Each structure stands twice: as structure tokens, then as C-alpha cells.
Amino acid sequence: MRIALHKPVTLAEFLTWKERQELRYEFDGFEPVAMTGGTIAHDQITFDLRTVLVARLAGTRCRPLGPNVKIIADRRVRYPDAIVVCRPDSPTANVADDPVVVFEVLSEGSSETDLIDKNREYRATPSIQRYAVLQQTHTAAIVFARRQDGWPSEIVSGDDARLDLAEIGIAVPLHEVYARFTRSPPYPARTIIGKGFSRKVLAHPSARNWGDAAAELAAA
């Protein structure tokens, strides 16, 4: 849901306007975007993800936050489902500075935003070293990681798979993230060839939006 505005607003104008609003809004660089509710599956997956992160990061300098804390990425304002930060922040701050890892749980209709728009924004934010997009319909994630030679992606799927988060020194087994969710079985991946690189996407009907988004990303 988008708010109709006569002209694009700046980040500073949005942040001032946002302080007067009761609801949550993201800022896509042009206008406020109202945050809508999610499914039970989305809520379970995000809750279990943060629970796993809390347990594995205990005793380290890093900690998980989300989904009610915003970040500023490439002059856009986003509320990721979960983030990991590794620097002290004031308890009264409402913006998390320098997130290291960002997580989004894919919702129906959000694939273009999560895999194209937010992906570009997070890639343009130097502190973000890894971006993981988790599926709702089965045990799988597409993960983007910062490397010297670019921002490559990979698919991880299945109960035996894990999210390797080297930047924060932990690995997260996917079966723990999806522990309370009835999942579809994993499916094989197919590869989309782009300009000088490739993208793998899950090859089954419910992953159609992943394929569309990955194809658009590869062609960009």
C-alpha cells in the first residue's frame, strides 16, 4: 500500500513526517510505503529465526534486532524481519546503525521488493555483509554475500542445510528456523545465466516469483 503524494519527498522530510505517524512506514526513496500485516507462517519463521540468533550470539559482541527497528540503506528506510548488529547502540535509538547481516522472509507479492529493490539497497550499504531471503512455503533461502569480486548469491534448501554467517561467526541450521512450520519438501535448483554470472532459483511452481526476480536481477 502506497501513500499518494504530489511530489517525491526527501529522506529528511520522511523522517520528520514519520515521527508523527502511529503506523509503521518504509521509505523507498520517493514516498512512504505503509507496512502491512503478515501471515502466521511469516510470524513463526521470523520469531524462530530471532530465537536461534539470540542463542547462538549469546556472549558475543553481536546481537539480533527486528522487526520493529529501522535501518537506513542507500538513503531508503527499511524494517527488516531481522538484522544483526555488532556495535553498541543507545537503548533509545530508533535507527540501527551499521547492520552486518539482514534477513527478510519472503511474502506473497514481495519478491520484487525483497529480491530486487532491497537487494540493491543492501548491496549499496557497506556495513551489510550478507543478505538472506527466506521462503515461507518450504525450507529454503537465497543468500547474497559481499565479496571482493561482487555480490554473489546461492540457494540453500532442505532440513540438512544451514545458513553460514561467517561475518558474525555462527551457522544457523534451517530446520531450527522452520521448526514449528509445516513445510513442503525441498526442490532442485535451476540456473539463470546473466551477464557474466549465474543465479540459481528453486525449480517448482511456488518459486515462480523467485525465478522472475532472479532473472530480472541477472539482466540488470
C-alpha atoms as a PDB file:
ATOM      1  CA  MET A   1       0.000   0.000   0.000  1.00  0.00           C
ATOM      2  CA  ARG A   2       1.473   3.329  -1.038  1.00  0.00           C
ATOM      3  CA  ILE A   3       0.621   6.815   0.117  1.00  0.00           C
ATOM      4  CA  ALA A   4      -0.262   9.128  -2.789  1.00  0.00           C
ATOM      5  CA  LEU A   5       1.970  12.195  -2.752  1.00  0.00           C
ATOM      6  CA  HIS A   6       2.161  15.134  -5.169  1.00  0.00           C
ATOM      7  CA  LYS A   7       5.959  15.022  -5.359  1.00  0.00           C
ATOM      8  CA  PRO A   8       8.799  12.837  -4.090  1.00  0.00           C
ATOM      9  CA  VAL A   9       9.955  13.565  -0.562  1.00  0.00           C
ATOM     10  CA  THR A  10      13.498  13.547   0.768  1.00  0.00           C
ATOM     11  CA  LEU A  11      14.827  11.208   3.427  1.00  0.00           C
ATOM     12  CA  ALA A  12      14.946  14.072   5.945  1.00  0.00           C
ATOM     13  CA  GLU A  13      11.341  15.038   5.158  1.00  0.00           C
ATOM     14  CA  PHE A  14      10.226  11.438   5.556  1.00  0.00           C
ATOM     15  CA  LEU A  15      11.951  11.002   8.923  1.00  0.00           C
ATOM     16  CA  THR A  16      10.320  14.188  10.229  1.00  0.00           C
ATOM     17  CA  TRP A  17       6.910  13.126   8.905  1.00  0.00           C
ATOM     18  CA  LYS A  18       7.338   9.571  10.245  1.00  0.00           C
ATOM     19  CA  GLU A  19       7.701  10.781  13.837  1.00  0.00           C
ATOM     20  CA  ARG A  20       4.083  11.963  13.743  1.00  0.00           C
ATOM     21  CA  GLN A  21       2.649   8.670  12.457  1.00  0.00           C
ATOM     22  CA  GLU A  22       1.238   5.855  14.572  1.00  0.00           C
ATOM     23  CA  LEU A  23       1.703   3.185  11.902  1.00  0.00           C
ATOM     24  CA  ARG A  24       4.993   1.900  10.506  1.00  0.00           C
ATOM     25  CA  TYR A  25       6.156   3.137   7.113  1.00  0.00           C
ATOM     26  CA  GLU A  26       9.161   2.336   4.985  1.00  0.00           C
ATOM     27  CA  PHE A  27      10.662   4.878   2.607  1.00  0.00           C
ATOM     28  CA  ASP A  28      11.517   3.678  -0.907  1.00  0.00           C
ATOM     29  CA  GLY A  29      13.428   6.793  -1.900  1.00  0.00           C
ATOM     30  CA  PHE A  30      10.374   8.579  -3.263  1.00  0.00           C
ATOM     31  CA  GLU A  31       7.419   8.176  -0.891  1.00  0.00           C
ATOM     32  CA  PRO A  32       6.243   6.451   2.306  1.00  0.00           C
ATOM     33  CA  VAL A  33       5.136   2.828   1.974  1.00  0.00           C
ATOM     34  CA  ALA A  34       2.752   1.534   4.641  1.00  0.00           C
ATOM     35  CA  MET A  35       3.771  -1.706   6.342  1.00  0.00           C
ATOM     36  CA  THR A  36       1.059  -4.368   6.199  1.00  0.00           C
ATOM     37  CA  GLY A  37       0.462  -7.425   8.353  1.00  0.00           C
ATOM     38  CA  GLY A  38       1.890 -10.862   7.563  1.00  0.00           C
ATOM     39  CA  THR A  39       0.819 -14.490   7.747  1.00  0.00           C
ATOM     40  CA  ILE A  40       1.120 -16.835  10.701  1.00  0.00           C
ATOM     41  CA  ALA A  41       3.869 -18.687   8.833  1.00  0.00           C
ATOM     42  CA  HIS A  42       5.784 -15.433   8.351  1.00  0.00           C
ATOM     43  CA  ASP A  43       5.481 -14.619  12.048  1.00  0.00           C
ATOM     44  CA  GLN A  44       6.582 -18.092  13.156  1.00  0.00           C
ATOM     45  CA  ILE A  45       9.605 -18.144  10.871  1.00  0.00           C
ATOM     46  CA  THR A  46      10.789 -14.663  11.875  1.00  0.00           C
ATOM     47  CA  PHE A  47      10.271 -15.399  15.592  1.00  0.00           C
ATOM     48  CA  ASP A  48      12.164 -18.695  15.415  1.00  0.00           C
ATOM     49  CA  LEU A  49      14.939 -17.066  13.378  1.00  0.00           C
ATOM     50  CA  ARG A  50      15.475 -14.403  16.012  1.00  0.00           C
ATOM     51  CA  THR A  51      15.319 -17.014  18.776  1.00  0.00           C
ATOM     52  CA  VAL A  52      18.052 -19.056  17.096  1.00  0.00           C
ATOM     53  CA  LEU A  53      20.169 -15.932  16.559  1.00  0.00           C
ATOM     54  CA  VAL A  54      19.820 -14.894  20.207  1.00  0.00           C
ATOM     55  CA  ALA A  55      21.004 -18.326  21.396  1.00  0.00           C
ATOM     56  CA  ARG A  56      23.954 -18.555  19.024  1.00  0.00           C
ATOM     57  CA  LEU A  57      25.128 -14.982  19.516  1.00  0.00           C
ATOM     58  CA  ALA A  58      24.993 -15.125  23.329  1.00  0.00           C
ATOM     59  CA  GLY A  59      28.303 -13.991  24.796  1.00  0.00           C
ATOM     60  CA  THR A  60      29.470 -12.280  21.598  1.00  0.00           C
ATOM     61  CA  ARG A  61      29.551  -8.597  20.735  1.00  0.00           C
ATOM     62  CA  CYS A  62      26.796  -9.095  18.136  1.00  0.00           C
ATOM     63  CA  ARG A  63      23.056  -9.236  18.737  1.00  0.00           C
ATOM     64  CA  PRO A  64      19.890  -9.611  16.666  1.00  0.00           C
ATOM     65  CA  LEU A  65      17.240  -6.907  16.331  1.00  0.00           C
ATOM     66  CA  GLY A  66      13.965  -6.583  14.438  1.00  0.00           C
ATOM     67  CA  PRO A  67      11.379  -6.301  13.136  1.00  0.00           C
ATOM     68  CA  ASN A  68      10.465  -3.007  14.821  1.00  0.00           C
ATOM     69  CA  VAL A  69      13.845  -1.312  14.412  1.00  0.00           C
ATOM     70  CA  LYS A  70      14.524   0.501  11.172  1.00  0.00           C
ATOM     71  CA  ILE A  71      17.713   0.789   9.180  1.00  0.00           C
ATOM     72  CA  ILE A  72      18.759   3.330   6.559  1.00  0.00           C
ATOM     73  CA  ALA A  73      20.154   1.678   3.445  1.00  0.00           C
ATOM     74  CA  ASP A  74      21.127   3.690   0.373  1.00  0.00           C
ATOM     75  CA  ARG A  75      19.011   6.589   1.684  1.00  0.00           C
ATOM     76  CA  ARG A  76      15.964   4.322   1.985  1.00  0.00           C
ATOM     77  CA  VAL A  77      14.281   3.353   5.254  1.00  0.00           C
ATOM     78  CA  ARG A  78      13.527  -0.334   5.812  1.00  0.00           C
ATOM     79  CA  TYR A  79      12.235  -2.523   8.629  1.00  0.00           C
ATOM     80  CA  PRO A  80      13.888  -5.923   8.014  1.00  0.00           C
ATOM     81  CA  ASP A  81      12.419  -9.003   9.657  1.00  0.00           C
ATOM     82  CA  ALA A  82      15.731  -9.433  11.473  1.00  0.00           C
ATOM     83  CA  ILE A  83      19.169  -7.853  11.482  1.00  0.00           C
ATOM     84  CA  VAL A  84      22.413  -8.459  13.335  1.00  0.00           C
ATOM     85  CA  VAL A  85      24.453  -5.521  14.623  1.00  0.00           C
ATOM     86  CA  CYS A  86      27.902  -5.735  16.203  1.00  0.00           C
ATOM     87  CA  ARG A  87      28.388  -2.266  17.644  1.00  0.00           C
ATOM     88  CA  PRO A  88      26.906  -0.588  20.736  1.00  0.00           C
ATOM     89  CA  ASP A  89      23.726   1.425  20.219  1.00  0.00           C
ATOM     90  CA  SER A  90      21.786   3.662  22.565  1.00  0.00           C
ATOM     91  CA  PRO A  91      18.721   1.858  24.000  1.00  0.00           C
ATOM     92  CA  THR A  92      16.647   4.885  22.990  1.00  0.00           C
ATOM     93  CA  ALA A  93      17.815   4.868  19.352  1.00  0.00           C
ATOM     94  CA  ASN A  94      15.138   4.108  16.754  1.00  0.00           C
ATOM     95  CA  VAL A  95      17.597   3.510  13.900  1.00  0.00           C
ATOM     96  CA  ALA A  96      20.078   0.623  13.982  1.00  0.00           C
ATOM     97  CA  ASP A  97      23.411   1.781  12.594  1.00  0.00           C
ATOM     98  CA  ASP A  98      25.792  -0.414  10.607  1.00  0.00           C
ATOM     99  CA  PRO A  99      23.841  -3.684  10.354  1.00  0.00           C
ATOM    100  CA  VAL A 100      26.108  -6.581   9.380  1.00  0.00           C
ATOM    101  CA  VAL A 101      23.559  -9.237   8.356  1.00  0.00           C
ATOM    102  CA  VAL A 102      19.992  -8.621   7.164  1.00  0.00           C
ATOM    103  CA  PHE A 103      17.140 -11.125   6.899  1.00  0.00           C
ATOM    104  CA  GLU A 104      13.799 -10.891   5.118  1.00  0.00           C
ATOM    105  CA  VAL A 105      11.075 -13.543   4.970  1.00  0.00           C
ATOM    106  CA  LEU A 106       9.529 -13.567   1.527  1.00  0.00           C
ATOM    107  CA  SER A 107       5.801 -12.817   1.401  1.00  0.00           C
ATOM    108  CA  GLU A 108       3.388 -13.198  -1.477  1.00  0.00           C
ATOM    109  CA  GLY A 109       3.785 -10.123  -3.625  1.00  0.00           C
ATOM    110  CA  SER A 110       7.054  -9.010  -2.004  1.00  0.00           C
ATOM    111  CA  SER A 111       9.542 -10.870  -4.211  1.00  0.00           C
ATOM    112  CA  GLU A 112      10.324  -7.872  -6.432  1.00  0.00           C
ATOM    113  CA  THR A 113      10.850  -5.584  -3.449  1.00  0.00           C
ATOM    114  CA  ASP A 114      12.882  -8.100  -1.437  1.00  0.00           C
ATOM    115  CA  LEU A 115      14.978  -9.570  -4.244  1.00  0.00           C
ATOM    116  CA  ILE A 116      15.397  -6.524  -6.471  1.00  0.00           C
ATOM    117  CA  ASP A 117      14.845  -3.214  -4.640  1.00  0.00           C
ATOM    118  CA  LYS A 118      16.056  -4.116  -1.155  1.00  0.00           C
ATOM    119  CA  ASN A 119      18.809  -6.267  -2.577  1.00  0.00           C
ATOM    120  CA  ARG A 120      20.232  -3.274  -4.443  1.00  0.00           C
ATOM    121  CA  GLU A 121      19.891  -1.065  -1.373  1.00  0.00           C
ATOM    122  CA  TYR A 122      21.604  -3.552   0.934  1.00  0.00           C
ATOM    123  CA  ARG A 123      24.348  -4.192  -1.619  1.00  0.00           C
ATOM    124  CA  ALA A 124      24.990  -0.429  -1.695  1.00  0.00           C
ATOM    125  CA  THR A 125      25.339  -0.295   2.120  1.00  0.00           C
ATOM    126  CA  PRO A 126      28.975  -1.081   3.035  1.00  0.00           C
ATOM    127  CA  SER A 127      28.281  -2.410   6.538  1.00  0.00           C
ATOM    128  CA  ILE A 128      25.908  -5.123   5.254  1.00  0.00           C
ATOM    129  CA  GLN A 129      27.980  -8.209   4.534  1.00  0.00           C
ATOM    130  CA  ARG A 130      25.191 -10.727   3.977  1.00  0.00           C
ATOM    131  CA  TYR A 131      21.524 -10.630   2.982  1.00  0.00           C
ATOM    132  CA  ALA A 132      19.351 -13.736   3.416  1.00  0.00           C
ATOM    133  CA  VAL A 133      15.838 -14.023   1.979  1.00  0.00           C
ATOM    134  CA  LEU A 134      13.882 -16.930   3.482  1.00  0.00           C
ATOM    135  CA  GLN A 135      10.946 -18.655   1.820  1.00  0.00           C
ATOM    136  CA  GLN A 136       7.603 -19.192   3.555  1.00  0.00           C
ATOM    137  CA  THR A 137       6.441 -22.249   1.605  1.00  0.00           C
ATOM    138  CA  HIS A 138       9.402 -24.552   2.170  1.00  0.00           C
ATOM    139  CA  THR A 139      12.774 -24.793   3.900  1.00  0.00           C
ATOM    140  CA  ALA A 140      14.926 -22.610   1.690  1.00  0.00           C
ATOM    141  CA  ALA A 141      16.732 -19.305   1.424  1.00  0.00           C
ATOM    142  CA  ILE A 142      18.572 -17.307  -1.196  1.00  0.00           C
ATOM    143  CA  VAL A 143      21.670 -15.687   0.289  1.00  0.00           C
ATOM    144  CA  PHE A 144      23.691 -12.762  -1.068  1.00  0.00           C
ATOM    145  CA  ALA A 145      27.196 -12.181   0.339  1.00  0.00           C
ATOM    146  CA  ARG A 146      29.679  -9.372  -0.093  1.00  0.00           C
ATOM    147  CA  ARG A 147      32.883 -10.450  -1.805  1.00  0.00           C
ATOM    148  CA  GLN A 148      35.834  -8.607  -3.307  1.00  0.00           C
ATOM    149  CA  ASP A 149      34.588  -9.559  -6.757  1.00  0.00           C
ATOM    150  CA  GLY A 150      30.931  -8.704  -6.255  1.00  0.00           C
ATOM    151  CA  TRP A 151      27.703  -9.750  -4.528  1.00  0.00           C
ATOM    152  CA  PRO A 152      27.171 -13.426  -5.479  1.00  0.00           C
ATOM    153  CA  SER A 153      24.132 -15.420  -4.421  1.00  0.00           C
ATOM    154  CA  GLU A 154      23.415 -19.039  -3.584  1.00  0.00           C
ATOM    155  CA  ILE A 155      20.395 -21.173  -2.756  1.00  0.00           C
ATOM    156  CA  VAL A 156      20.370 -23.190   0.471  1.00  0.00           C
ATOM    157  CA  SER A 157      17.479 -25.610   0.966  1.00  0.00           C
ATOM    158  CA  GLY A 158      16.399 -28.666   2.920  1.00  0.00           C
ATOM    159  CA  ASP A 159      16.412 -29.724   6.567  1.00  0.00           C
ATOM    160  CA  ASP A 160      20.129 -30.555   6.430  1.00  0.00           C
ATOM    161  CA  ALA A 161      21.093 -27.140   5.053  1.00  0.00           C
ATOM    162  CA  ARG A 162      22.393 -24.265   7.109  1.00  0.00           C
ATOM    163  CA  LEU A 163      22.983 -20.548   6.796  1.00  0.00           C
ATOM    164  CA  ASP A 164      26.712 -19.976   7.166  1.00  0.00           C
ATOM    165  CA  LEU A 165      27.147 -16.493   8.634  1.00  0.00           C
ATOM    166  CA  ALA A 166      30.917 -16.191   8.749  1.00  0.00           C
ATOM    167  CA  GLU A 167      30.749 -12.428   9.329  1.00  0.00           C
ATOM    168  CA  ILE A 168      29.283 -12.979  12.789  1.00  0.00           C
ATOM    169  CA  GLY A 169      30.948 -16.336  13.494  1.00  0.00           C
ATOM    170  CA  ILE A 170      27.905 -18.628  13.544  1.00  0.00           C
ATOM    171  CA  ALA A 171      25.914 -21.037  11.373  1.00  0.00           C
ATOM    172  CA  VAL A 172      22.130 -21.405  11.582  1.00  0.00           C
ATOM    173  CA  PRO A 173      20.563 -24.782  10.698  1.00  0.00           C
ATOM    174  CA  LEU A 174      17.483 -24.167   8.569  1.00  0.00           C
ATOM    175  CA  HIS A 175      15.496 -26.878  10.342  1.00  0.00           C
ATOM    176  CA  GLU A 176      15.663 -24.798  13.534  1.00  0.00           C
ATOM    177  CA  VAL A 177      14.308 -21.722  11.776  1.00  0.00           C
ATOM    178  CA  TYR A 178      11.409 -23.759  10.343  1.00  0.00           C
ATOM    179  CA  ALA A 179      10.948 -25.964  13.425  1.00  0.00           C
ATOM    180  CA  ARG A 180       7.255 -25.091  14.025  1.00  0.00           C
ATOM    181  CA  PHE A 181       6.222 -24.747  10.417  1.00  0.00           C
ATOM    182  CA  THR A 182       4.738 -27.452   8.162  1.00  0.00           C
ATOM    183  CA  ARG A 183       6.957 -27.261   5.145  1.00  0.00           C
ATOM    184  CA  SER A 184       6.931 -28.505   1.592  1.00  0.00           C
ATOM    185  CA  PRO A 185       9.899 -30.723   0.644  1.00  0.00           C
ATOM    186  CA  PRO A 186      12.959 -29.122  -0.930  1.00  0.00           C
ATOM    187  CA  TYR A 187      13.116 -28.888  -4.711  1.00  0.00           C
ATOM    188  CA  PRO A 188      16.050 -28.897  -7.121  1.00  0.00           C
ATOM    189  CA  ALA A 189      17.521 -25.648  -8.382  1.00  0.00           C
ATOM    190  CA  ARG A 190      17.794 -24.346 -11.915  1.00  0.00           C
ATOM    191  CA  THR A 191      20.323 -21.798 -13.085  1.00  0.00           C
ATOM    192  CA  ILE A 192      19.597 -18.460 -14.755  1.00  0.00           C
ATOM    193  CA  ILE A 193      22.519 -17.132 -16.767  1.00  0.00           C
ATOM    194  CA  GLY A 194      23.140 -13.387 -16.562  1.00  0.00           C
ATOM    195  CA  LYS A 195      25.785 -11.050 -17.892  1.00  0.00           C
ATOM    196  CA  GLY A 196      28.991 -12.752 -16.808  1.00  0.00           C
ATOM    197  CA  PHE A 197      27.435 -14.664 -13.898  1.00  0.00           C
ATOM    198  CA  SER A 198      24.608 -17.003 -12.997  1.00  0.00           C
ATOM    199  CA  ARG A 199      21.789 -17.236 -10.494  1.00  0.00           C
ATOM    200  CA  LYS A 200      20.210 -20.417  -9.132  1.00  0.00           C
ATOM    201  CA  VAL A 201      16.497 -20.460  -8.328  1.00  0.00           C
ATOM    202  CA  LEU A 202      14.263 -23.221  -6.978  1.00  0.00           C
ATOM    203  CA  ALA A 203      12.508 -25.070  -9.784  1.00  0.00           C
ATOM    204  CA  HIS A 204       8.914 -25.597  -8.686  1.00  0.00           C
ATOM    205  CA  PRO A 205       5.667 -23.669  -9.188  1.00  0.00           C
ATOM    206  CA  SER A 206       5.556 -21.814  -5.875  1.00  0.00           C
ATOM    207  CA  ALA A 207       9.038 -20.411  -6.549  1.00  0.00           C
ATOM    208  CA  ARG A 208       7.952 -18.710  -9.784  1.00  0.00           C
ATOM    209  CA  ASN A 209       8.370 -15.260  -8.268  1.00  0.00           C
ATOM    210  CA  TRP A 210      11.898 -16.118  -7.152  1.00  0.00           C
ATOM    211  CA  GLY A 211      12.700 -17.072 -10.722  1.00  0.00           C
ATOM    212  CA  ASP A 212      11.182 -13.910 -12.158  1.00  0.00           C
ATOM    213  CA  ALA A 213      13.041 -11.718  -9.687  1.00  0.00           C
ATOM    214  CA  ALA A 214      16.343 -13.525 -10.172  1.00  0.00           C
ATOM    215  CA  ALA A 215      16.020 -13.243 -13.926  1.00  0.00           C
ATOM    216  CA  GLU A 216      15.412  -9.504 -13.655  1.00  0.00           C
ATOM    217  CA  LEU A 217      18.361  -9.162 -11.281  1.00  0.00           C
ATOM    218  CA  ALA A 218      20.633 -11.080 -13.645  1.00  0.00           C
ATOM    219  CA  ALA A 219      19.611  -8.897 -16.562  1.00  0.00           C
ATOM    220  CA  ALA A 220      20.168  -5.636 -14.641  1.00  0.00           C
END
